[in-house]
Amino acid sequence: MLVLRILSALVGIPLVLLAVHFGGPWYALLLLLIVNLGVYEYNSLLRAGGYFAPPVISFFGVTMLIVVLYLQEYVFLLPLVMLTLFILFVLTLLNPEKINITDASLTLWGIIYIGGLCGYLLLLRMQPGGALYTYMLLAGVWINDTLAYFIGSKWGFRELAPQISPKKSVEGSLAGIGGAVLIFLAVSIFSPDLTGINPGLAVLLAMGITVFAQLGDLMESALKRMLQVKDSGGLIPGHGGVLDRFDSLMLAAPFVYYFFMLVDMI
């Protein structure tokens, strides 16, 4: 398992970094792939839990969210959500035996959860300095995940959220937060050009990224626990599914986006 985890990282990380570096349509296409694979896994989770999400509506919703954000046609965001809601409502009226209001609600929730949160990854990269901001987001999440996994596996004995994810420990959580804070602080002091922010802001950024990354992880764990499913998929060897790999990034991305928005305003 550990070997597969490392090999997957050695293949996947360079691809992600290259997409961030080139930005533009290449990065948008990567996100389109991620959100559609994520929705596929999400719909599979719902089916395993006895629910049904119309796949065409799900794929349409997340795809159009990314397209609208990439084209910066933000005026269409609310109409897109309302159109999706209306279509789902009509489907529940026409075929209530196949899709009920709970199914429709979970479908819309999945579109916003996956397409909306991943949309912030696109918005962040599209900002002036967005490549640097995205690299810092990735670094913070990956440092947190790595330290939390290895420290928690070896020395973790106090459960962080036993009713949601029994394998996550307080020790692993603190290791992820503390490690990211120390690394971000050191880089901001000794190589300030790499972050572009002062040490105080670097500490706040690292804390925010790691806290929201762990909350994102717990959010997906809560979903899987509710549906009584262990993994969202097996697409990434050693890591599970796409949602298992990107859940932390999805919730940390909005924090980093608004963090730098506020920093630029000060």
Protein backbone atom coordinates (compact mmCIF):
# COMPACT_ATOMS: atom_id res chain seq x y z
CA MET A 1 0.00 0.00 0.00
CA LEU A 2 2.75 2.47 0.92
CA VAL A 3 4.71 1.69 -2.25
CA LEU A 4 1.61 2.23 -4.40
CA ARG A 5 0.91 5.47 -2.54
CA ILE A 6 4.41 6.78 -3.25
CA LEU A 7 4.41 5.66 -6.90
CA SER A 8 1.04 7.33 -7.51
CA ALA A 9 2.36 10.54 -5.97
CA LEU A 10 5.50 10.43 -8.14
CA VAL A 11 3.31 10.24 -11.24
CA GLY A 12 0.45 12.49 -10.21
CA ILE A 13 2.25 15.39 -8.53
CA PRO A 14 4.37 16.40 -11.57
CA LEU A 15 1.26 16.34 -13.77
CA VAL A 16 -0.61 18.62 -11.39
CA LEU A 17 2.35 20.99 -11.05
CA LEU A 18 2.74 21.19 -14.84
CA ALA A 19 -0.95 22.01 -15.25
CA VAL A 20 -0.65 24.74 -12.60
CA HIS A 21 2.47 26.10 -14.30
CA PHE A 22 0.90 26.37 -17.76
CA GLY A 23 -2.49 27.47 -16.44
CA GLY A 24 -5.10 28.56 -18.94
CA PRO A 25 -6.99 25.84 -20.82
CA TRP A 26 -4.60 23.11 -19.67
CA TYR A 27 -5.40 23.74 -16.02
CA ALA A 28 -9.10 24.14 -16.77
CA LEU A 29 -9.13 20.82 -18.64
CA LEU A 30 -7.47 19.10 -15.68
CA LEU A 31 -10.15 20.48 -13.38
CA LEU A 32 -12.88 19.39 -15.80
CA LEU A 33 -11.48 15.88 -15.65
CA ILE A 34 -11.28 15.98 -11.85
CA VAL A 35 -14.83 17.25 -11.29
CA ASN A 36 -16.36 14.75 -13.72
CA LEU A 37 -14.46 11.84 -12.19
CA GLY A 38 -15.42 13.18 -8.77
CA VAL A 39 -19.11 13.30 -9.71
CA TYR A 40 -18.90 9.78 -11.11
CA GLU A 41 -17.53 8.58 -7.77
CA TYR A 42 -20.08 10.63 -5.83
CA ASN A 43 -22.96 9.14 -7.80
CA SER A 44 -21.53 5.66 -7.20
CA LEU A 45 -21.44 6.40 -3.48
CA LEU A 46 -25.08 7.46 -3.57
CA ARG A 47 -26.08 4.27 -5.41
CA ALA A 48 -24.24 2.19 -2.83
CA GLY A 49 -26.20 4.01 -0.14
CA GLY A 50 -29.55 3.42 -1.85
CA TYR A 51 -29.94 6.84 -3.50
CA PHE A 52 -30.03 7.93 -7.13
CA ALA A 53 -28.45 10.96 -8.81
CA PRO A 54 -29.26 11.49 -12.52
CA PRO A 55 -25.78 11.24 -14.09
CA VAL A 56 -26.49 13.54 -17.04
CA ILE A 57 -27.62 16.33 -14.71
CA SER A 58 -24.62 15.82 -12.43
CA PHE A 59 -22.06 15.88 -15.25
CA PHE A 60 -23.78 18.85 -16.88
CA GLY A 61 -23.85 20.81 -13.62
CA VAL A 62 -20.18 20.46 -12.65
CA THR A 63 -18.97 20.92 -16.23
CA MET A 64 -20.94 24.12 -16.76
CA LEU A 65 -19.77 25.50 -13.42
CA ILE A 66 -16.13 25.16 -14.48
CA VAL A 67 -16.86 26.51 -17.98
CA VAL A 68 -18.71 29.56 -16.65
CA LEU A 69 -15.92 30.31 -14.17
CA TYR A 70 -13.20 29.85 -16.80
CA LEU A 71 -15.01 32.23 -19.19
CA GLN A 72 -15.56 34.61 -16.24
CA GLU A 73 -19.24 34.89 -17.11
CA TYR A 74 -20.24 35.06 -13.46
CA VAL A 75 -23.68 36.46 -14.28
CA PHE A 76 -24.68 32.96 -15.41
CA LEU A 77 -23.80 31.24 -12.13
CA LEU A 78 -27.10 31.80 -10.34
CA PRO A 79 -29.22 31.00 -13.44
CA LEU A 80 -27.20 27.78 -13.85
CA VAL A 81 -27.97 26.70 -10.28
CA MET A 82 -31.65 27.66 -10.68
CA LEU A 83 -31.89 25.79 -14.00
CA THR A 84 -30.39 22.66 -12.42
CA LEU A 85 -32.79 22.95 -9.48
CA PHE A 86 -35.76 23.36 -11.84
CA ILE A 87 -34.77 20.33 -13.95
CA LEU A 88 -34.40 18.19 -10.85
CA PHE A 89 -37.78 19.37 -9.58
CA VAL A 90 -39.44 18.47 -12.90
CA LEU A 91 -37.82 15.01 -12.81
CA THR A 92 -39.24 14.36 -9.35
CA LEU A 93 -42.70 15.27 -10.65
CA LEU A 94 -42.46 13.17 -13.81
CA ASN A 95 -40.88 10.08 -12.26
CA PRO A 96 -41.27 10.14 -8.46
CA GLU A 97 -40.68 6.39 -8.19
CA LYS A 98 -37.16 6.71 -9.63
CA ILE A 99 -36.04 10.05 -8.18
CA ASN A 100 -37.49 11.63 -5.05
CA ILE A 101 -36.79 14.94 -3.35
CA THR A 102 -33.93 13.45 -1.31
CA ASP A 103 -32.25 12.18 -4.48
CA ALA A 104 -32.69 15.58 -6.13
CA SER A 105 -31.27 17.38 -3.08
CA LEU A 106 -28.25 15.09 -2.90
CA THR A 107 -27.67 15.58 -6.64
CA LEU A 108 -27.63 19.37 -6.30
CA TRP A 109 -25.48 19.13 -3.18
CA GLY A 110 -22.94 17.02 -5.09
CA ILE A 111 -22.80 19.51 -7.95
CA ILE A 112 -22.09 22.40 -5.58
CA TYR A 113 -19.78 20.34 -3.35
CA ILE A 114 -17.60 19.11 -6.20
CA GLY A 115 -18.05 21.68 -8.98
CA GLY A 116 -18.38 24.70 -6.72
CA LEU A 117 -15.46 23.95 -4.42
CA CYS A 118 -13.18 22.83 -7.28
CA GLY A 119 -14.19 26.04 -9.02
CA TYR A 120 -12.17 27.91 -6.40
CA LEU A 121 -9.08 26.04 -7.59
CA LEU A 122 -9.70 27.62 -10.99
CA LEU A 123 -10.50 31.07 -9.60
CA LEU A 124 -7.34 31.02 -7.49
CA ARG A 125 -5.10 30.16 -10.45
CA MET A 126 -6.71 32.88 -12.59
CA GLN A 127 -5.72 35.63 -10.14
CA PRO A 128 -2.58 37.75 -10.66
CA GLY A 129 0.07 35.67 -8.94
CA GLY A 130 -2.31 32.73 -9.05
CA ALA A 131 0.36 30.17 -9.88
CA LEU A 132 2.27 31.03 -6.69
CA TYR A 133 -0.93 31.00 -4.62
CA THR A 134 -1.87 27.58 -6.01
CA TYR A 135 1.61 26.18 -5.34
CA MET A 136 1.32 27.33 -1.72
CA LEU A 137 -2.12 25.73 -1.43
CA LEU A 138 -0.79 22.46 -2.80
CA ALA A 139 2.30 22.59 -0.58
CA GLY A 140 0.25 23.23 2.56
CA VAL A 141 -2.24 20.45 1.85
CA TRP A 142 0.43 17.92 0.85
CA ILE A 143 2.58 18.70 3.89
CA ASN A 144 -0.47 18.32 6.12
CA ASP A 145 -1.57 15.06 4.50
CA THR A 146 1.90 13.53 4.58
CA LEU A 147 2.71 14.38 8.18
CA ALA A 148 -0.77 13.55 9.44
CA TYR A 149 -0.61 10.17 7.70
CA PHE A 150 2.84 9.09 8.87
CA ILE A 151 2.78 10.60 12.37
CA GLY A 152 -0.79 9.49 12.94
CA SER A 153 -0.05 5.95 11.74
CA LYS A 154 2.94 5.55 14.05
CA TRP A 155 2.19 7.63 17.13
CA GLY A 156 -1.48 8.54 16.94
CA PHE A 157 -3.61 7.05 19.71
CA ARG A 158 -6.21 9.74 20.52
CA GLU A 159 -9.06 9.71 18.01
CA LEU A 160 -9.84 13.05 16.39
CA ALA A 161 -13.39 12.34 15.24
CA PRO A 162 -14.20 8.71 16.16
CA GLN A 163 -17.78 8.76 14.89
CA ILE A 164 -16.72 10.13 11.49
CA SER A 165 -13.23 8.79 10.83
CA PRO A 166 -11.80 6.52 13.56
CA LYS A 167 -8.36 6.28 11.92
CA LYS A 168 -7.66 10.02 12.19
CA SER A 169 -5.82 11.00 15.36
CA VAL A 170 -5.25 14.19 17.30
CA GLU A 171 -1.49 13.60 17.06
CA GLY A 172 -1.65 13.31 13.28
CA SER A 173 -3.80 16.42 13.03
CA LEU A 174 -1.41 18.49 15.17
CA ALA A 175 1.58 17.15 13.24
CA GLY A 176 0.03 18.27 9.96
CA ILE A 177 -0.78 21.74 11.26
CA GLY A 178 2.49 22.23 13.14
CA GLY A 179 4.66 20.92 10.32
CA ALA A 180 3.07 23.17 7.71
CA VAL A 181 3.31 26.20 10.00
CA LEU A 182 7.03 25.60 10.67
CA ILE A 183 7.84 25.06 6.98
CA PHE A 184 5.86 28.09 5.79
CA LEU A 185 7.42 30.21 8.54
CA ALA A 186 10.96 29.08 7.67
CA VAL A 187 10.46 29.72 3.96
CA SER A 188 8.98 33.18 4.57
CA ILE A 189 11.99 34.11 6.72
CA PHE A 190 14.85 32.63 4.70
CA SER A 191 13.37 32.82 1.18
CA PRO A 192 10.69 35.52 1.33
CA ASP A 193 10.45 35.77 -2.47
CA LEU A 194 8.99 32.26 -2.57
CA THR A 195 5.91 33.28 -0.61
CA GLY A 196 5.60 37.03 -1.14
CA ILE A 197 4.12 37.45 2.36
CA ASN A 198 5.59 38.21 5.76
CA PRO A 199 6.15 35.53 8.42
CA GLY A 200 2.99 36.41 10.35
CA LEU A 201 0.80 36.01 7.30
CA ALA A 202 2.67 32.83 6.36
CA VAL A 203 1.75 31.31 9.72
CA LEU A 204 -1.91 32.31 9.31
CA LEU A 205 -1.94 30.92 5.78
CA ALA A 206 -0.45 27.58 6.84
CA MET A 207 -2.86 27.25 9.77
CA GLY A 208 -5.85 28.06 7.60
CA ILE A 209 -4.85 25.68 4.82
CA THR A 210 -4.27 22.76 7.17
CA VAL A 211 -7.39 23.31 9.26
CA PHE A 212 -9.65 23.58 6.21
CA ALA A 213 -7.86 20.66 4.54
CA GLN A 214 -8.63 18.47 7.53
CA LEU A 215 -12.22 19.69 7.61
CA GLY A 216 -12.52 18.82 3.92
CA ASP A 217 -11.21 15.35 4.64
CA LEU A 218 -13.70 14.94 7.47
CA MET A 219 -16.52 16.20 5.26
CA GLU A 220 -15.96 13.41 2.76
CA SER A 221 -15.47 10.90 5.57
CA ALA A 222 -18.84 11.94 7.01
CA LEU A 223 -20.45 11.39 3.61
CA LYS A 224 -18.93 7.92 3.27
CA ARG A 225 -19.91 7.07 6.85
CA MET A 226 -23.50 8.13 6.17
CA LEU A 227 -23.58 5.94 3.06
CA GLN A 228 -21.59 3.15 4.79
CA VAL A 229 -18.91 3.08 2.08
CA LYS A 230 -15.18 2.76 2.81
CA ASP A 231 -13.59 4.45 -0.24
CA SER A 232 -14.98 6.74 -2.91
CA GLY A 233 -13.19 4.69 -5.57
CA GLY A 234 -9.96 3.00 -6.55
CA LEU A 235 -8.78 5.11 -9.47
CA ILE A 236 -5.57 6.27 -7.75
CA PRO A 237 -3.57 3.28 -6.46
CA GLY A 238 -2.76 3.61 -2.78
CA HIS A 239 -4.94 6.70 -2.39
CA GLY A 240 -8.45 5.48 -3.17
CA GLY A 241 -10.59 7.63 -5.45
CA VAL A 242 -10.38 11.14 -6.84
CA LEU A 243 -12.53 12.47 -4.00
CA ASP A 244 -10.26 10.78 -1.45
CA ARG A 245 -7.29 12.60 -2.96
CA PHE A 246 -8.83 16.02 -3.61
CA ASP A 247 -11.26 16.42 -0.70
CA SER A 248 -8.67 18.36 1.33
CA LEU A 249 -7.84 20.72 -1.54
CA MET A 250 -11.50 21.38 -2.26
CA LEU A 251 -12.23 23.01 1.08
CA ALA A 252 -8.82 24.67 1.51
CA ALA A 253 -9.01 26.38 -1.90
CA PRO A 254 -11.78 28.87 -0.95
CA PHE A 255 -9.80 29.83 2.17
CA VAL A 256 -6.64 30.56 0.17
CA TYR A 257 -8.63 32.47 -2.47
CA TYR A 258 -10.23 34.81 0.05
CA PHE A 259 -7.05 35.00 2.14
CA PHE A 260 -5.08 36.52 -0.73
CA MET A 261 -8.03 38.65 -1.76
CA LEU A 262 -8.00 40.22 1.70
CA VAL A 263 -4.19 40.48 1.76
CA ASP A 264 -4.21 42.31 -1.57
CA MET A 265 -6.84 44.71 -0.23
CA ILE A 266 -4.81 45.62 2.88
